[in-house]
Structure formats: C-alpha cells, structure tokens
Amino acid sequence: PVVAVVKNGQFGYQLGTTKPLPALVGKLDKPWL
C-alpha cells in the first residue's frame, strides 16, 4: 500500500513511484489494473 492524497473524492498516482515497473509489464498485450 501507498498513500494517495484524495481531494474532492479524486486522486492521481504515478505507478512505479515506489516499486519500479518491470520490463515484462511493457510487453503485456493488454494489462489490467
């Protein structure tokens, strides 16, 4: 878990901020979040 700041119910976050995205993720045909 990471802490995301919510304002008016909305948040933004950069995936890969605390744990790098592996090269495999870029090779996935259609990743699901």
Full PDB file with SEQRES, HELIX, SHEET, SSBOND, CRYST1, ORIGX, SCALE, CONECT and MASTER records, all heavy atoms in Angstrom:
SEQRES   1 A   33  PRO VAL VAL ALA VAL VAL LYS ASN GLY GLN PHE GLY TYR          
SEQRES   2 A   33  GLN LEU GLY THR THR LYS PRO LEU PRO ALA LEU VAL GLY          
SEQRES   3 A   33  LYS LEU ASP LYS PRO TRP LEU                                  
HELIX    1 AA1 ALA A   23  LYS A   27  1                                   5    
CRYST1    1.000    1.000    1.000  90.00  90.00  90.00 P 1           1          
ORIGX1      1.000000  0.000000  0.000000        0.00000                         
ORIGX2      0.000000  1.000000  0.000000        0.00000                         
ORIGX3      0.000000  0.000000  1.000000        0.00000                         
SCALE1      1.000000  0.000000  0.000000        0.00000                         
SCALE2      0.000000  1.000000  0.000000        0.00000                         
SCALE3      0.000000  0.000000  1.000000        0.00000                         
ATOM      1  N   PRO A   1       0.819  -1.215   0.000  1.00  0.00           N  
ATOM      2  CA  PRO A   1       0.000   0.000   0.000  1.00  0.00           C  
ATOM      3  C   PRO A   1       0.856   1.269   0.000  1.00  0.00           C  
ATOM      4  O   PRO A   1       1.911   1.330   0.610  1.00  0.00           O  
ATOM      5  CB  PRO A   1      -0.813  -0.108   1.289  1.00  0.00           C  
ATOM      6  CG  PRO A   1      -0.078  -1.055   2.154  1.00  0.00           C  
ATOM      7  CD  PRO A   1       0.729  -1.955   1.265  1.00  0.00           C  
ATOM      8  N   VAL A   2       0.359   2.257  -0.732  1.00  0.00           N  
ATOM      9  CA  VAL A   2       0.956   3.589  -0.781  1.00  0.00           C  
ATOM     10  C   VAL A   2      -0.134   4.576  -0.392  1.00  0.00           C  
ATOM     11  O   VAL A   2      -1.318   4.291  -0.535  1.00  0.00           O  
ATOM     12  CB  VAL A   2       1.505   3.934  -2.193  1.00  0.00           C  
ATOM     13  CG1 VAL A   2       2.630   2.993  -2.578  1.00  0.00           C  
ATOM     14  CG2 VAL A   2       0.408   3.917  -3.235  1.00  0.00           C  
ATOM     15  N   VAL A   3       0.254   5.714   0.109  1.00  0.00           N  
ATOM     16  CA  VAL A   3      -0.729   6.723   0.495  1.00  0.00           C  
ATOM     17  C   VAL A   3      -0.952   7.670  -0.677  1.00  0.00           C  
ATOM     18  O   VAL A   3      -0.007   8.288  -1.174  1.00  0.00           O  
ATOM     19  CB  VAL A   3      -0.279   7.497   1.752  1.00  0.00           C  
ATOM     20  CG1 VAL A   3      -1.273   8.606   2.087  1.00  0.00           C  
ATOM     21  CG2 VAL A   3      -0.129   6.544   2.926  1.00  0.00           C  
ATOM     22  N   ALA A   4      -2.201   7.752  -1.116  1.00  0.00           N  
ATOM     23  CA  ALA A   4      -2.588   8.680  -2.180  1.00  0.00           C  
ATOM     24  C   ALA A   4      -3.464   9.766  -1.559  1.00  0.00           C  
ATOM     25  O   ALA A   4      -4.342   9.472  -0.748  1.00  0.00           O  
ATOM     26  CB  ALA A   4      -3.346   7.953  -3.282  1.00  0.00           C  
ATOM     27  N   VAL A   5      -3.212  10.996  -1.926  1.00  0.00           N  
ATOM     28  CA  VAL A   5      -3.989  12.113  -1.409  1.00  0.00           C  
ATOM     29  C   VAL A   5      -5.270  12.238  -2.223  1.00  0.00           C  
ATOM     30  O   VAL A   5      -5.240  12.302  -3.453  1.00  0.00           O  
ATOM     31  CB  VAL A   5      -3.179  13.427  -1.468  1.00  0.00           C  
ATOM     32  CG1 VAL A   5      -4.016  14.606  -1.012  1.00  0.00           C  
ATOM     33  CG2 VAL A   5      -1.918  13.297  -0.620  1.00  0.00           C  
ATOM     34  N   VAL A   6      -6.385  12.249  -1.514  1.00  0.00           N  
ATOM     35  CA  VAL A   6      -7.704  12.369  -2.140  1.00  0.00           C  
ATOM     36  C   VAL A   6      -8.257  13.754  -1.834  1.00  0.00           C  
ATOM     37  O   VAL A   6      -8.261  14.187  -0.680  1.00  0.00           O  
ATOM     38  CB  VAL A   6      -8.658  11.271  -1.621  1.00  0.00           C  
ATOM     39  CG1 VAL A   6     -10.067  11.482  -2.149  1.00  0.00           C  
ATOM     40  CG2 VAL A   6      -8.140   9.896  -1.999  1.00  0.00           C  
ATOM     41  N   LYS A   7      -8.698  14.451  -2.866  1.00  0.00           N  
ATOM     42  CA  LYS A   7      -9.311  15.777  -2.717  1.00  0.00           C  
ATOM     43  C   LYS A   7     -10.575  15.785  -3.562  1.00  0.00           C  
ATOM     44  O   LYS A   7     -10.539  15.450  -4.745  1.00  0.00           O  
ATOM     45  CB  LYS A   7      -8.345  16.862  -3.173  1.00  0.00           C  
ATOM     46  CG  LYS A   7      -8.907  18.255  -3.037  1.00  0.00           C  
ATOM     47  CD  LYS A   7      -7.873  19.199  -2.466  1.00  0.00           C  
ATOM     48  CE  LYS A   7      -8.400  20.605  -2.423  1.00  0.00           C  
ATOM     49  NZ  LYS A   7      -8.966  20.940  -1.149  1.00  0.00           N  
ATOM     50  N   ASN A   8     -11.682  16.119  -2.934  1.00  0.00           N  
ATOM     51  CA  ASN A   8     -12.990  16.092  -3.603  1.00  0.00           C  
ATOM     52  C   ASN A   8     -13.266  14.715  -4.202  1.00  0.00           C  
ATOM     53  O   ASN A   8     -13.857  14.592  -5.274  1.00  0.00           O  
ATOM     54  CB  ASN A   8     -13.090  17.174  -4.681  1.00  0.00           C  
ATOM     55  CG  ASN A   8     -12.975  18.569  -4.110  1.00  0.00           C  
ATOM     56  OD1 ASN A   8     -13.490  18.845  -3.037  1.00  0.00           O  
ATOM     57  ND2 ASN A   8     -12.273  19.441  -4.806  1.00  0.00           N  
ATOM     58  N   GLY A   9     -12.782  13.684  -3.544  1.00  0.00           N  
ATOM     59  CA  GLY A   9     -13.014  12.310  -3.988  1.00  0.00           C  
ATOM     60  C   GLY A   9     -12.065  11.827  -5.062  1.00  0.00           C  
ATOM     61  O   GLY A   9     -12.108  10.670  -5.439  1.00  0.00           O  
ATOM     62  N   GLN A  10     -11.194  12.689  -5.583  1.00  0.00           N  
ATOM     63  CA  GLN A  10     -10.325  12.312  -6.696  1.00  0.00           C  
ATOM     64  C   GLN A  10      -8.869  12.203  -6.259  1.00  0.00           C  
ATOM     65  O   GLN A  10      -8.427  12.896  -5.350  1.00  0.00           O  
ATOM     66  CB  GLN A  10     -10.467  13.316  -7.827  1.00  0.00           C  
ATOM     67  CG  GLN A  10     -11.886  13.363  -8.352  1.00  0.00           C  
ATOM     68  CD  GLN A  10     -12.010  14.229  -9.591  1.00  0.00           C  
ATOM     69  OE1 GLN A  10     -11.039  14.761 -10.109  1.00  0.00           O  
ATOM     70  NE2 GLN A  10     -13.221  14.358 -10.070  1.00  0.00           N  
ATOM     71  N   PHE A  11      -8.144  11.307  -6.956  1.00  0.00           N  
ATOM     72  CA  PHE A  11      -6.716  11.123  -6.676  1.00  0.00           C  
ATOM     73  C   PHE A  11      -5.974  10.896  -7.982  1.00  0.00           C  
ATOM     74  O   PHE A  11      -6.555  10.530  -9.008  1.00  0.00           O  
ATOM     75  CB  PHE A  11      -6.480   9.934  -5.733  1.00  0.00           C  
ATOM     76  CG  PHE A  11      -6.722   8.590  -6.373  1.00  0.00           C  
ATOM     77  CD1 PHE A  11      -5.690   7.902  -7.007  1.00  0.00           C  
ATOM     78  CD2 PHE A  11      -7.984   8.023  -6.368  1.00  0.00           C  
ATOM     79  CE1 PHE A  11      -5.913   6.680  -7.619  1.00  0.00           C  
ATOM     80  CE2 PHE A  11      -8.222   6.796  -6.975  1.00  0.00           C  
ATOM     81  CZ  PHE A  11      -7.186   6.122  -7.591  1.00  0.00           C  
ATOM     82  N   GLY A  12      -4.678  11.111  -7.936  1.00  0.00           N  
ATOM     83  CA  GLY A  12      -3.781  10.770  -9.032  1.00  0.00           C  
ATOM     84  C   GLY A  12      -2.566  10.089  -8.432  1.00  0.00           C  
ATOM     85  O   GLY A  12      -2.185  10.372  -7.295  1.00  0.00           O  
ATOM     86  N   TYR A  13      -1.981   9.180  -9.184  1.00  0.00           N  
ATOM     87  CA  TYR A  13      -0.798   8.470  -8.693  1.00  0.00           C  
ATOM     88  C   TYR A  13       0.052   8.025  -9.880  1.00  0.00           C  
ATOM     89  O   TYR A  13      -0.477   7.696 -10.943  1.00  0.00           O  
ATOM     90  CB  TYR A  13      -1.211   7.252  -7.851  1.00  0.00           C  
ATOM     91  CG  TYR A  13      -0.024   6.568  -7.211  1.00  0.00           C  
ATOM     92  CD1 TYR A  13       0.599   7.122  -6.106  1.00  0.00           C  
ATOM     93  CD2 TYR A  13       0.494   5.389  -7.740  1.00  0.00           C  
ATOM     94  CE1 TYR A  13       1.715   6.519  -5.534  1.00  0.00           C  
ATOM     95  CE2 TYR A  13       1.598   4.785  -7.166  1.00  0.00           C  
ATOM     96  CZ  TYR A  13       2.202   5.349  -6.064  1.00  0.00           C  
ATOM     97  OH  TYR A  13       3.301   4.761  -5.512  1.00  0.00           O  
ATOM     98  N   GLN A  14       1.361   8.008  -9.672  1.00  0.00           N  
ATOM     99  CA  GLN A  14       2.307   7.530 -10.681  1.00  0.00           C  
ATOM    100  C   GLN A  14       2.683   6.091 -10.350  1.00  0.00           C  
ATOM    101  O   GLN A  14       3.423   5.858  -9.381  1.00  0.00           O  
ATOM    102  CB  GLN A  14       3.577   8.392 -10.677  1.00  0.00           C  
ATOM    103  CG  GLN A  14       3.376   9.814 -11.108  1.00  0.00           C  
ATOM    104  CD  GLN A  14       3.398   9.956 -12.612  1.00  0.00           C  
ATOM    105  OE1 GLN A  14       3.828   9.074 -13.339  1.00  0.00           O  
ATOM    106  NE2 GLN A  14       2.910  11.071 -13.098  1.00  0.00           N  
ATOM    107  N   LEU A  15       2.169   5.128 -11.107  1.00  0.00           N  
ATOM    108  CA  LEU A  15       2.573   3.736 -10.907  1.00  0.00           C  
ATOM    109  C   LEU A  15       4.072   3.644 -11.153  1.00  0.00           C  
ATOM    110  O   LEU A  15       4.583   4.190 -12.126  1.00  0.00           O  
ATOM    111  CB  LEU A  15       1.841   2.808 -11.866  1.00  0.00           C  
ATOM    112  CG  LEU A  15       0.317   2.775 -11.794  1.00  0.00           C  
ATOM    113  CD1 LEU A  15      -0.239   1.808 -12.837  1.00  0.00           C  
ATOM    114  CD2 LEU A  15      -0.161   2.398 -10.411  1.00  0.00           C  
ATOM    115  N   GLY A  16       4.771   2.940 -10.293  1.00  0.00           N  
ATOM    116  CA  GLY A  16       6.219   2.822 -10.415  1.00  0.00           C  
ATOM    117  C   GLY A  16       6.967   3.791  -9.520  1.00  0.00           C  
ATOM    118  O   GLY A  16       8.188   3.841  -9.552  1.00  0.00           O  
ATOM    119  N   THR A  17       6.265   4.546  -8.688  1.00  0.00           N  
ATOM    120  CA  THR A  17       6.903   5.516  -7.803  1.00  0.00           C  
ATOM    121  C   THR A  17       7.747   4.835  -6.736  1.00  0.00           C  
ATOM    122  O   THR A  17       8.884   5.225  -6.496  1.00  0.00           O  
ATOM    123  CB  THR A  17       5.851   6.421  -7.140  1.00  0.00           C  
ATOM    124  OG1 THR A  17       5.183   7.163  -8.159  1.00  0.00           O  
ATOM    125  CG2 THR A  17       6.480   7.381  -6.150  1.00  0.00           C  
ATOM    126  N   THR A  18       7.207   3.806  -6.084  1.00  0.00           N  
ATOM    127  CA  THR A  18       7.952   3.145  -5.016  1.00  0.00           C  
ATOM    128  C   THR A  18       8.472   1.772  -5.427  1.00  0.00           C  
ATOM    129  O   THR A  18       9.399   1.265  -4.813  1.00  0.00           O  
ATOM    130  CB  THR A  18       7.088   2.970  -3.750  1.00  0.00           C  
ATOM    131  OG1 THR A  18       5.961   2.152  -4.051  1.00  0.00           O  
ATOM    132  CG2 THR A  18       6.614   4.314  -3.223  1.00  0.00           C  
ATOM    133  N   LYS A  19       7.885   1.180  -6.441  1.00  0.00           N  
ATOM    134  CA  LYS A  19       8.345  -0.121  -6.945  1.00  0.00           C  
ATOM    135  C   LYS A  19       8.405  -0.034  -8.468  1.00  0.00           C  
ATOM    136  O   LYS A  19       7.384   0.112  -9.120  1.00  0.00           O  
ATOM    137  CB  LYS A  19       7.397  -1.244  -6.522  1.00  0.00           C  
ATOM    138  CG  LYS A  19       7.889  -2.603  -6.966  1.00  0.00           C  
ATOM    139  CD  LYS A  19       6.992  -3.695  -6.452  1.00  0.00           C  
ATOM    140  CE  LYS A  19       7.522  -5.050  -6.916  1.00  0.00           C  
ATOM    141  NZ  LYS A  19       6.610  -6.119  -6.537  1.00  0.00           N  
ATOM    142  N   PRO A  20       9.607  -0.120  -9.042  1.00  0.00           N  
ATOM    143  CA  PRO A  20       9.741   0.038 -10.498  1.00  0.00           C  
ATOM    144  C   PRO A  20       8.871  -0.937 -11.276  1.00  0.00           C  
ATOM    145  O   PRO A  20       8.657  -2.078 -10.863  1.00  0.00           O  
ATOM    146  CB  PRO A  20      11.220  -0.245 -10.751  1.00  0.00           C  
ATOM    147  CG  PRO A  20      11.893  -0.011  -9.436  1.00  0.00           C  
ATOM    148  CD  PRO A  20      10.882  -0.374  -8.387  1.00  0.00           C  
ATOM    149  N   LEU A  21       8.358  -0.449 -12.385  1.00  0.00           N  
ATOM    150  CA  LEU A  21       7.592  -1.306 -13.291  1.00  0.00           C  
ATOM    151  C   LEU A  21       8.568  -2.202 -14.048  1.00  0.00           C  
ATOM    152  O   LEU A  21       9.502  -1.705 -14.668  1.00  0.00           O  
ATOM    153  CB  LEU A  21       6.793  -0.464 -14.280  1.00  0.00           C  
ATOM    154  CG  LEU A  21       5.643   0.334 -13.680  1.00  0.00           C  
ATOM    155  CD1 LEU A  21       5.168   1.399 -14.647  1.00  0.00           C  
ATOM    156  CD2 LEU A  21       4.510  -0.583 -13.299  1.00  0.00           C  
ATOM    157  N   PRO A  22       8.389  -3.499 -14.005  1.00  0.00           N  
ATOM    158  CA  PRO A  22       9.321  -4.390 -14.710  1.00  0.00           C  
ATOM    159  C   PRO A  22       9.134  -4.302 -16.221  1.00  0.00           C  
ATOM    160  O   PRO A  22       8.075  -3.896 -16.703  1.00  0.00           O  
ATOM    161  CB  PRO A  22       8.942  -5.775 -14.187  1.00  0.00           C  
ATOM    162  CG  PRO A  22       7.510  -5.653 -13.795  1.00  0.00           C  
ATOM    163  CD  PRO A  22       7.343  -4.228 -13.305  1.00  0.00           C  
ATOM    164  N   ALA A  23      10.169  -4.692 -16.943  1.00  0.00           N  
ATOM    165  CA  ALA A  23      10.107  -4.690 -18.405  1.00  0.00           C  
ATOM    166  C   ALA A  23       8.968  -5.581 -18.903  1.00  0.00           C  
ATOM    167  O   ALA A  23       8.374  -5.307 -19.940  1.00  0.00           O  
ATOM    168  CB  ALA A  23      11.440  -5.150 -18.979  1.00  0.00           C  
ATOM    169  N   LEU A  24       8.637  -6.620 -18.168  1.00  0.00           N  
ATOM    170  CA  LEU A  24       7.571  -7.536 -18.567  1.00  0.00           C  
ATOM    171  C   LEU A  24       6.243  -6.817 -18.728  1.00  0.00           C  
ATOM    172  O   LEU A  24       5.472  -7.108 -19.633  1.00  0.00           O  
ATOM    173  CB  LEU A  24       7.432  -8.657 -17.529  1.00  0.00           C  
ATOM    174  CG  LEU A  24       6.253  -9.610 -17.703  1.00  0.00           C  
ATOM    175  CD1 LEU A  24       6.424 -10.407 -18.993  1.00  0.00           C  
ATOM    176  CD2 LEU A  24       6.136 -10.540 -16.516  1.00  0.00           C  
ATOM    177  N   VAL A  25       5.978  -5.836 -17.868  1.00  0.00           N  
ATOM    178  CA  VAL A  25       4.706  -5.121 -17.920  1.00  0.00           C  
ATOM    179  C   VAL A  25       4.540  -4.437 -19.266  1.00  0.00           C  
ATOM    180  O   VAL A  25       3.465  -4.430 -19.843  1.00  0.00           O  
ATOM    181  CB  VAL A  25       4.601  -4.110 -16.751  1.00  0.00           C  
ATOM    182  CG1 VAL A  25       3.389  -3.214 -16.906  1.00  0.00           C  
ATOM    183  CG2 VAL A  25       4.542  -4.854 -15.431  1.00  0.00           C  
ATOM    184  N   GLY A  26       5.610  -3.861 -19.797  1.00  0.00           N  
ATOM    185  CA  GLY A  26       5.537  -3.215 -21.095  1.00  0.00           C  
ATOM    186  C   GLY A  26       5.297  -4.193 -22.229  1.00  0.00           C  
ATOM    187  O   GLY A  26       4.871  -3.813 -23.308  1.00  0.00           O  
ATOM    188  N   LYS A  27       5.542  -5.473 -21.988  1.00  0.00           N  
ATOM    189  CA  LYS A  27       5.349  -6.492 -23.020  1.00  0.00           C  
ATOM    190  C   LYS A  27       3.981  -7.158 -22.932  1.00  0.00           C  
ATOM    191  O   LYS A  27       3.628  -7.951 -23.799  1.00  0.00           O  
ATOM    192  CB  LYS A  27       6.446  -7.551 -22.909  1.00  0.00           C  
ATOM    193  CG  LYS A  27       7.824  -6.986 -23.197  1.00  0.00           C  
ATOM    194  CD  LYS A  27       8.897  -8.031 -22.995  1.00  0.00           C  
ATOM    195  CE  LYS A  27      10.259  -7.407 -23.214  1.00  0.00           C  
ATOM    196  NZ  LYS A  27      11.337  -8.300 -22.865  1.00  0.00           N  
ATOM    197  N   LEU A  28       3.212  -6.842 -21.903  1.00  0.00           N  
ATOM    198  CA  LEU A  28       1.879  -7.427 -21.782  1.00  0.00           C  
ATOM    199  C   LEU A  28       1.002  -6.882 -22.893  1.00  0.00           C  
ATOM    200  O   LEU A  28       1.014  -5.690 -23.187  1.00  0.00           O  
ATOM    201  CB  LEU A  28       1.265  -7.100 -20.418  1.00  0.00           C  
ATOM    202  CG  LEU A  28       1.968  -7.679 -19.199  1.00  0.00           C  
ATOM    203  CD1 LEU A  28       1.295  -7.186 -17.925  1.00  0.00           C  
ATOM    204  CD2 LEU A  28       1.943  -9.196 -19.237  1.00  0.00           C  
ATOM    205  N   ASP A  29       0.212  -7.758 -23.497  1.00  0.00           N  
ATOM    206  CA  ASP A  29      -0.637  -7.350 -24.602  1.00  0.00           C  
ATOM    207  C   ASP A  29      -1.636  -6.288 -24.169  1.00  0.00           C  
ATOM    208  O   ASP A  29      -1.794  -5.267 -24.807  1.00  0.00           O  
ATOM    209  CB  ASP A  29      -1.361  -8.579 -25.170  1.00  0.00           C  
ATOM    210  CG  ASP A  29      -2.196  -8.250 -26.384  1.00  0.00           C  
ATOM    211  OD1 ASP A  29      -1.721  -7.466 -27.235  1.00  0.00           O  
ATOM    212  OD2 ASP A  29      -3.320  -8.773 -26.478  1.00  0.00           O  
ATOM    213  N   LYS A  30      -2.325  -6.533 -23.087  1.00  0.00           N  
ATOM    214  CA  LYS A  30      -3.318  -5.587 -22.577  1.00  0.00           C  
ATOM    215  C   LYS A  30      -3.370  -5.726 -21.062  1.00  0.00           C  
ATOM    216  O   LYS A  30      -4.141  -6.510 -20.529  1.00  0.00           O  
ATOM    217  CB  LYS A  30      -4.689  -5.866 -23.195  1.00  0.00           C  
ATOM    218  CG  LYS A  30      -5.745  -4.867 -22.834  1.00  0.00           C  
ATOM    219  CD  LYS A  30      -7.044  -5.175 -23.560  1.00  0.00           C  
ATOM    220  CE  LYS A  30      -8.093  -4.141 -23.240  1.00  0.00           C  
ATOM    221  NZ  LYS A  30      -9.355  -4.446 -23.889  1.00  0.00           N  
ATOM    222  N   PRO A  31      -2.531  -4.965 -20.348  1.00  0.00           N  
ATOM    223  CA  PRO A  31      -2.520  -5.099 -18.886  1.00  0.00           C  
ATOM    224  C   PRO A  31      -3.812  -4.585 -18.257  1.00  0.00           C  
ATOM    225  O   PRO A  31      -4.431  -3.652 -18.751  1.00  0.00           O  
ATOM    226  CB  PRO A  31      -1.328  -4.246 -18.455  1.00  0.00           C  
ATOM    227  CG  PRO A  31      -1.048  -3.342 -19.589  1.00  0.00           C  
ATOM    228  CD  PRO A  31      -1.554  -3.993 -20.827  1.00  0.00           C  
ATOM    229  N   TRP A  32      -4.179  -5.224 -17.165  1.00  0.00           N  
ATOM    230  CA  TRP A  32      -5.369  -4.846 -16.409  1.00  0.00           C  
ATOM    231  C   TRP A  32      -4.934  -4.367 -15.040  1.00  0.00           C  
ATOM    232  O   TRP A  32      -4.076  -4.974 -14.407  1.00  0.00           O  
ATOM    233  CB  TRP A  32      -6.317  -6.031 -16.291  1.00  0.00           C  
ATOM    234  CG  TRP A  32      -7.015  -6.318 -17.584  1.00  0.00           C  
ATOM    235  CD1 TRP A  32      -6.484  -6.954 -18.669  1.00  0.00           C  
ATOM    236  CD2 TRP A  32      -8.337  -5.953 -17.940  1.00  0.00           C  
ATOM    237  NE1 TRP A  32      -7.412  -7.011 -19.681  1.00  0.00           N  
ATOM    238  CE2 TRP A  32      -8.565  -6.398 -19.254  1.00  0.00           C  
ATOM    239  CE3 TRP A  32      -9.371  -5.299 -17.265  1.00  0.00           C  
ATOM    240  CZ2 TRP A  32      -9.778  -6.215 -19.909  1.00  0.00           C  
ATOM    241  CZ3 TRP A  32     -10.578  -5.113 -17.929  1.00  0.00           C  
ATOM    242  CH2 TRP A  32     -10.771  -5.574 -19.236  1.00  0.00           C  
ATOM    243  N   LEU A  33      -5.545  -3.283 -14.570  1.00  0.00           N  
ATOM    244  CA  LEU A  33      -5.194  -2.671 -13.298  1.00  0.00           C  
ATOM    245  C   LEU A  33      -6.256  -2.972 -12.253  1.00  0.00           C  
ATOM    246  O   LEU A  33      -7.445  -2.740 -12.474  1.00  0.00           O  
ATOM    247  CB  LEU A  33      -5.067  -1.152 -13.464  1.00  0.00           C  
ATOM    248  CG  LEU A  33      -4.778  -0.338 -12.205  1.00  0.00           C  
ATOM    249  CD1 LEU A  33      -3.410  -0.694 -11.642  1.00  0.00           C  
ATOM    250  CD2 LEU A  33      -4.876   1.144 -12.507  1.00  0.00           C  
TER     251      LEU A  33                                                      
MASTER        0    0    0    1    0    0    0    6  250    1    0    3          
END                                                                             
